Amino acid sequence: MGATVRNASTYMNRLKMNEEREKMARAILAKMSIEQLSDMVSFYHKMGQLCSEALDKKFNDMELA
């Protein structure tokens, strides 16, 4: 089997796995209350802000080095 076919096969398997994970996540989210979903959105928004700040700090530290 050639490398291109192996890579395509791996890519297709990853796509299928990601689709299955997304389907499962949607099913779990559908069962959650509005309050739980709102809390989750707030949490992930805050995590996004923290990650952004950490990345900015790392990039700034690299520029100074």
PDB file of N, CA and C in Angstrom:
ATOM      1  N   MET A   1       0.853  -1.178   0.000  1.00  0.00           N
ATOM      2  CA  MET A   1       0.000   0.000   0.000  1.00  0.00           C
ATOM      3  C   MET A   1       0.896   1.237   0.000  1.00  0.00           C
ATOM      4  N   GLY A   2       0.607   2.167  -0.884  1.00  0.00           N
ATOM      5  CA  GLY A   2       1.416   3.370  -0.982  1.00  0.00           C
ATOM      6  C   GLY A   2       1.149   4.341   0.146  1.00  0.00           C
ATOM      7  N   ALA A   3       2.090   5.256   0.333  1.00  0.00           N
ATOM      8  CA  ALA A   3       1.986   6.231   1.417  1.00  0.00           C
ATOM      9  C   ALA A   3       0.753   7.116   1.258  1.00  0.00           C
ATOM     10  N   THR A   4       0.418   7.487   0.022  1.00  0.00           N
ATOM     11  CA  THR A   4      -0.736   8.350  -0.206  1.00  0.00           C
ATOM     12  C   THR A   4      -2.022   7.654   0.228  1.00  0.00           C
ATOM     13  N   VAL A   5      -2.141   6.386  -0.096  1.00  0.00           N
ATOM     14  CA  VAL A   5      -3.327   5.622   0.292  1.00  0.00           C
ATOM     15  C   VAL A   5      -3.387   5.471   1.798  1.00  0.00           C
ATOM     16  N   ARG A   6      -2.240   5.187   2.433  1.00  0.00           N
ATOM     17  CA  ARG A   6      -2.208   5.072   3.897  1.00  0.00           C
ATOM     18  C   ARG A   6      -2.613   6.380   4.538  1.00  0.00           C
ATOM     19  N   ASN A   7      -2.076   7.499   4.040  1.00  0.00           N
ATOM     20  CA  ASN A   7      -2.403   8.812   4.599  1.00  0.00           C
ATOM     21  C   ASN A   7      -3.877   9.127   4.417  1.00  0.00           C
ATOM     22  N   ALA A   8      -4.425   8.801   3.268  1.00  0.00           N
ATOM     23  CA  ALA A   8      -5.843   9.055   3.011  1.00  0.00           C
ATOM     24  C   ALA A   8      -6.704   8.210   3.944  1.00  0.00           C
ATOM     25  N   SER A   9      -6.289   6.972   4.143  1.00  0.00           N
ATOM     26  CA  SER A   9      -7.031   6.076   5.028  1.00  0.00           C
ATOM     27  C   SER A   9      -7.011   6.605   6.461  1.00  0.00           C
ATOM     28  N   THR A  10      -5.857   7.045   6.912  1.00  0.00           N
ATOM     29  CA  THR A  10      -5.724   7.615   8.257  1.00  0.00           C
ATOM     30  C   THR A  10      -6.583   8.858   8.394  1.00  0.00           C
ATOM     31  N   TYR A  11      -6.548   9.704   7.366  1.00  0.00           N
ATOM     32  CA  TYR A  11      -7.347  10.937   7.375  1.00  0.00           C
ATOM     33  C   TYR A  11      -8.834  10.609   7.459  1.00  0.00           C
ATOM     34  N   MET A  12      -9.283   9.653   6.670  1.00  0.00           N
ATOM     35  CA  MET A  12     -10.705   9.272   6.673  1.00  0.00           C
ATOM     36  C   MET A  12     -11.107   8.691   8.026  1.00  0.00           C
ATOM     37  N   ASN A  13     -10.228   7.898   8.638  1.00  0.00           N
ATOM     38  CA  ASN A  13     -10.525   7.346   9.961  1.00  0.00           C
ATOM     39  C   ASN A  13     -10.646   8.451  11.004  1.00  0.00           C
ATOM     40  N   ARG A  14      -9.772   9.446  10.919  1.00  0.00           N
ATOM     41  CA  ARG A  14      -9.839  10.572  11.854  1.00  0.00           C
ATOM     42  C   ARG A  14     -11.109  11.377  11.657  1.00  0.00           C
ATOM     43  N   LEU A  15     -11.483  11.586  10.401  1.00  0.00           N
ATOM     44  CA  LEU A  15     -12.723  12.306  10.120  1.00  0.00           C
ATOM     45  C   LEU A  15     -13.921  11.588  10.714  1.00  0.00           C
ATOM     46  N   LYS A  16     -13.962  10.277  10.521  1.00  0.00           N
ATOM     47  CA  LYS A  16     -15.074   9.476  11.043  1.00  0.00           C
ATOM     48  C   LYS A  16     -15.112   9.540  12.570  1.00  0.00           C
ATOM     49  N   MET A  17     -13.932   9.446  13.202  1.00  0.00           N
ATOM     50  CA  MET A  17     -13.856   9.501  14.653  1.00  0.00           C
ATOM     51  C   MET A  17     -14.321  10.871  15.163  1.00  0.00           C
ATOM     52  N   ASN A  18     -13.898  11.938  14.475  1.00  0.00           N
ATOM     53  CA  ASN A  18     -14.313  13.279  14.879  1.00  0.00           C
ATOM     54  C   ASN A  18     -15.827  13.460  14.732  1.00  0.00           C
ATOM     55  N   GLU A  19     -16.396  12.912  13.661  1.00  0.00           N
ATOM     56  CA  GLU A  19     -17.839  12.996  13.464  1.00  0.00           C
ATOM     57  C   GLU A  19     -18.582  12.259  14.574  1.00  0.00           C
ATOM     58  N   GLU A  20     -18.075  11.102  14.971  1.00  0.00           N
ATOM     59  CA  GLU A  20     -18.693  10.325  16.042  1.00  0.00           C
ATOM     60  C   GLU A  20     -18.607  11.082  17.375  1.00  0.00           C
ATOM     61  N   ARG A  21     -17.460  11.689  17.636  1.00  0.00           N
ATOM     62  CA  ARG A  21     -17.301  12.470  18.865  1.00  0.00           C
ATOM     63  C   ARG A  21     -18.257  13.655  18.882  1.00  0.00           C
ATOM     64  N   GLU A  22     -18.382  14.338  17.743  1.00  0.00           N
ATOM     65  CA  GLU A  22     -19.275  15.488  17.666  1.00  0.00           C
ATOM     66  C   GLU A  22     -20.724  15.058  17.885  1.00  0.00           C
ATOM     67  N   LYS A  23     -21.112  13.946  17.298  1.00  0.00           N
ATOM     68  CA  LYS A  23     -22.471  13.424  17.469  1.00  0.00           C
ATOM     69  C   LYS A  23     -22.747  13.112  18.940  1.00  0.00           C
ATOM     70  N   MET A  24     -21.764  12.499  19.601  1.00  0.00           N
ATOM     71  CA  MET A  24     -21.902  12.163  21.013  1.00  0.00           C
ATOM     72  C   MET A  24     -21.996  13.437  21.864  1.00  0.00           C
ATOM     73  N   ALA A  25     -21.157  14.423  21.556  1.00  0.00           N
ATOM     74  CA  ALA A  25     -21.169  15.686  22.300  1.00  0.00           C
ATOM     75  C   ALA A  25     -22.514  16.384  22.142  1.00  0.00           C
ATOM     76  N   ARG A  26     -23.052  16.388  20.917  1.00  0.00           N
ATOM     77  CA  ARG A  26     -24.352  17.024  20.683  1.00  0.00           C
ATOM     78  C   ARG A  26     -25.452  16.343  21.483  1.00  0.00           C
ATOM     79  N   ALA A  27     -25.386  15.025  21.579  1.00  0.00           N
ATOM     80  CA  ALA A  27     -26.389  14.275  22.346  1.00  0.00           C
ATOM     81  C   ALA A  27     -26.303  14.637  23.827  1.00  0.00           C
ATOM     82  N   ILE A  28     -25.094  14.763  24.344  1.00  0.00           N
ATOM     83  CA  ILE A  28     -24.908  15.129  25.752  1.00  0.00           C
ATOM     84  C   ILE A  28     -25.396  16.548  25.993  1.00  0.00           C
ATOM     85  N   LEU A  29     -25.036  17.470  25.091  1.00  0.00           N
ATOM     86  CA  LEU A  29     -25.451  18.867  25.246  1.00  0.00           C
ATOM     87  C   LEU A  29     -26.972  19.006  25.186  1.00  0.00           C
ATOM     88  N   ALA A  30     -27.617  18.206  24.367  1.00  0.00           N
ATOM     89  CA  ALA A  30     -29.076  18.267  24.238  1.00  0.00           C
ATOM     90  C   ALA A  30     -29.773  17.916  25.556  1.00  0.00           C
ATOM     91  N   LYS A  31     -29.117  17.122  26.376  1.00  0.00           N
ATOM     92  CA  LYS A  31     -29.694  16.702  27.658  1.00  0.00           C
ATOM     93  C   LYS A  31     -29.436  17.703  28.778  1.00  0.00           C
ATOM     94  N   MET A  32     -28.561  18.678  28.533  1.00  0.00           N
ATOM     95  CA  MET A  32     -28.203  19.633  29.580  1.00  0.00           C
ATOM     96  C   MET A  32     -29.237  20.743  29.682  1.00  0.00           C
ATOM     97  N   SER A  33     -29.347  21.303  30.884  1.00  0.00           N
ATOM     98  CA  SER A  33     -30.270  22.419  31.110  1.00  0.00           C
ATOM     99  C   SER A  33     -29.682  23.712  30.551  1.00  0.00           C
ATOM    100  N   ILE A  34     -30.528  24.713  30.423  1.00  0.00           N
ATOM    101  CA  ILE A  34     -30.080  26.024  29.959  1.00  0.00           C
ATOM    102  C   ILE A  34     -29.002  26.570  30.887  1.00  0.00           C
ATOM    103  N   GLU A  35     -29.185  26.404  32.182  1.00  0.00           N
ATOM    104  CA  GLU A  35     -28.207  26.899  33.156  1.00  0.00           C
ATOM    105  C   GLU A  35     -26.859  26.203  32.975  1.00  0.00           C
ATOM    106  N   GLN A  36     -26.882  24.898  32.797  1.00  0.00           N
ATOM    107  CA  GLN A  36     -25.638  24.156  32.604  1.00  0.00           C
ATOM    108  C   GLN A  36     -24.935  24.599  31.323  1.00  0.00           C
ATOM    109  N   LEU A  37     -25.704  24.770  30.257  1.00  0.00           N
ATOM    110  CA  LEU A  37     -25.121  25.208  28.988  1.00  0.00           C
ATOM    111  C   LEU A  37     -24.538  26.607  29.114  1.00  0.00           C
ATOM    112  N   SER A  38     -25.252  27.481  29.819  1.00  0.00           N
ATOM    113  CA  SER A  38     -24.765  28.844  30.016  1.00  0.00           C
ATOM    114  C   SER A  38     -23.467  28.847  30.814  1.00  0.00           C
ATOM    115  N   ASP A  39     -23.420  28.041  31.868  1.00  0.00           N
ATOM    116  CA  ASP A  39     -22.201  27.922  32.671  1.00  0.00           C
ATOM    117  C   ASP A  39     -21.034  27.410  31.824  1.00  0.00           C
ATOM    118  N   MET A  40     -21.325  26.448  30.965  1.00  0.00           N
ATOM    119  CA  MET A  40     -20.281  25.877  30.125  1.00  0.00           C
ATOM    120  C   MET A  40     -19.755  26.921  29.142  1.00  0.00           C
ATOM    121  N   VAL A  41     -20.659  27.692  28.546  1.00  0.00           N
ATOM    122  CA  VAL A  41     -20.232  28.739  27.616  1.00  0.00           C
ATOM    123  C   VAL A  41     -19.353  29.751  28.344  1.00  0.00           C
ATOM    124  N   SER A  42     -19.759  30.151  29.550  1.00  0.00           N
ATOM    125  CA  SER A  42     -18.964  31.106  30.326  1.00  0.00           C
ATOM    126  C   SER A  42     -17.585  30.541  30.645  1.00  0.00           C
ATOM    127  N   PHE A  43     -17.554  29.278  31.051  1.00  0.00           N
ATOM    128  CA  PHE A  43     -16.286  28.627  31.388  1.00  0.00           C
ATOM    129  C   PHE A  43     -15.349  28.598  30.184  1.00  0.00           C
ATOM    130  N   TYR A  44     -15.854  28.145  29.047  1.00  0.00           N
ATOM    131  CA  TYR A  44     -14.992  28.037  27.871  1.00  0.00           C
ATOM    132  C   TYR A  44     -14.590  29.408  27.333  1.00  0.00           C
ATOM    133  N   HIS A  45     -15.454  30.396  27.494  1.00  0.00           N
ATOM    134  CA  HIS A  45     -15.078  31.757  27.104  1.00  0.00           C
ATOM    135  C   HIS A  45     -13.900  32.228  27.965  1.00  0.00           C
ATOM    136  N   LYS A  46     -13.995  32.001  29.271  1.00  0.00           N
ATOM    137  CA  LYS A  46     -12.914  32.388  30.185  1.00  0.00           C
ATOM    138  C   LYS A  46     -11.637  31.618  29.851  1.00  0.00           C
ATOM    139  N   MET A  47     -11.755  30.328  29.564  1.00  0.00           N
ATOM    140  CA  MET A  47     -10.582  29.532  29.208  1.00  0.00           C
ATOM    141  C   MET A  47      -9.944  30.065  27.926  1.00  0.00           C
ATOM    142  N   GLY A  48     -10.759  30.493  26.968  1.00  0.00           N
ATOM    143  CA  GLY A  48     -10.242  31.076  25.736  1.00  0.00           C
ATOM    144  C   GLY A  48      -9.446  32.337  26.014  1.00  0.00           C
ATOM    145  N   GLN A  49      -9.965  33.163  26.922  1.00  0.00           N
ATOM    146  CA  GLN A  49      -9.254  34.386  27.298  1.00  0.00           C
ATOM    147  C   GLN A  49      -7.922  34.057  27.957  1.00  0.00           C
ATOM    148  N   LEU A  50      -7.931  33.105  28.878  1.00  0.00           N
ATOM    149  CA  LEU A  50      -6.703  32.722  29.570  1.00  0.00           C
ATOM    150  C   LEU A  50      -5.668  32.147  28.603  1.00  0.00           C
ATOM    151  N   CYS A  51      -6.119  31.322  27.667  1.00  0.00           N
ATOM    152  CA  CYS A  51      -5.198  30.751  26.675  1.00  0.00           C
ATOM    153  C   CYS A  51      -4.608  31.852  25.804  1.00  0.00           C
ATOM    154  N   SER A  52      -5.441  32.808  25.419  1.00  0.00           N
ATOM    155  CA  SER A  52      -4.966  33.932  24.605  1.00  0.00           C
ATOM    156  C   SER A  52      -3.896  34.718  25.341  1.00  0.00           C
ATOM    157  N   GLU A  53      -4.137  34.984  26.608  1.00  0.00           N
ATOM    158  CA  GLU A  53      -3.164  35.715  27.418  1.00  0.00           C
ATOM    159  C   GLU A  53      -1.863  34.933  27.546  1.00  0.00           C
ATOM    160  N   ALA A  54      -1.967  33.619  27.756  1.00  0.00           N
ATOM    161  CA  ALA A  54      -0.770  32.784  27.895  1.00  0.00           C
ATOM    162  C   ALA A  54       0.026  32.769  26.586  1.00  0.00           C
ATOM    163  N   LEU A  55      -0.682  32.669  25.453  1.00  0.00           N
ATOM    164  CA  LEU A  55       0.012  32.694  24.164  1.00  0.00           C
ATOM    165  C   LEU A  55       0.697  34.038  23.936  1.00  0.00           C
ATOM    166  N   ASP A  56      -0.005  35.125  24.224  1.00  0.00           N
ATOM    167  CA  ASP A  56       0.592  36.459  24.074  1.00  0.00           C
ATOM    168  C   ASP A  56       1.855  36.580  24.898  1.00  0.00           C
ATOM    169  N   LYS A  57       1.796  36.094  26.136  1.00  0.00           N
ATOM    170  CA  LYS A  57       2.960  36.169  27.013  1.00  0.00           C
ATOM    171  C   LYS A  57       4.125  35.367  26.445  1.00  0.00           C
ATOM    172  N   LYS A  58       3.824  34.174  25.942  1.00  0.00           N
ATOM    173  CA  LYS A  58       4.884  33.324  25.368  1.00  0.00           C
ATOM    174  C   LYS A  58       5.490  33.978  24.132  1.00  0.00           C
ATOM    175  N   PHE A  59       4.655  34.547  23.262  1.00  0.00           N
ATOM    176  CA  PHE A  59       5.173  35.211  22.068  1.00  0.00           C
ATOM    177  C   PHE A  59       6.015  36.414  22.449  1.00  0.00           C
ATOM    178  N   ASN A  60       5.559  37.179  23.432  1.00  0.00           N
ATOM    179  CA  ASN A  60       6.326  38.336  23.881  1.00  0.00           C
ATOM    180  C   ASN A  60       7.654  37.921  24.483  1.00  0.00           C
ATOM    181  N   ASP A  61       7.642  36.823  25.255  1.00  0.00           N
ATOM    182  CA  ASP A  61       8.888  36.316  25.849  1.00  0.00           C
ATOM    183  C   ASP A  61       9.858  35.849  24.759  1.00  0.00           C
ATOM    184  N   MET A  62       9.348  35.276  23.672  1.00  0.00           N
ATOM    185  CA  MET A  62      10.201  34.831  22.569  1.00  0.00           C
ATOM    186  C   MET A  62      10.841  36.022  21.875  1.00  0.00           C
ATOM    187  N   GLU A  63      10.087  37.096  21.715  1.00  0.00           N
ATOM    188  CA  GLU A  63      10.610  38.294  21.039  1.00  0.00           C
ATOM    189  C   GLU A  63      11.722  38.937  21.857  1.00  0.00           C
ATOM    190  N   LEU A  64      11.636  38.842  23.178  1.00  0.00           N
ATOM    191  CA  LEU A  64      12.633  39.457  24.044  1.00  0.00           C
ATOM    192  C   LEU A  64      13.918  38.642  24.113  1.00  0.00           C
ATOM    193  N   ALA A  65      13.804  37.352  23.798  1.00  0.00           N
ATOM    194  CA  ALA A  65      14.977  36.460  23.894  1.00  0.00           C
ATOM    195  C   ALA A  65      15.907  36.616  22.727  1.00  0.00           C
TER     196      ALA A  65
END
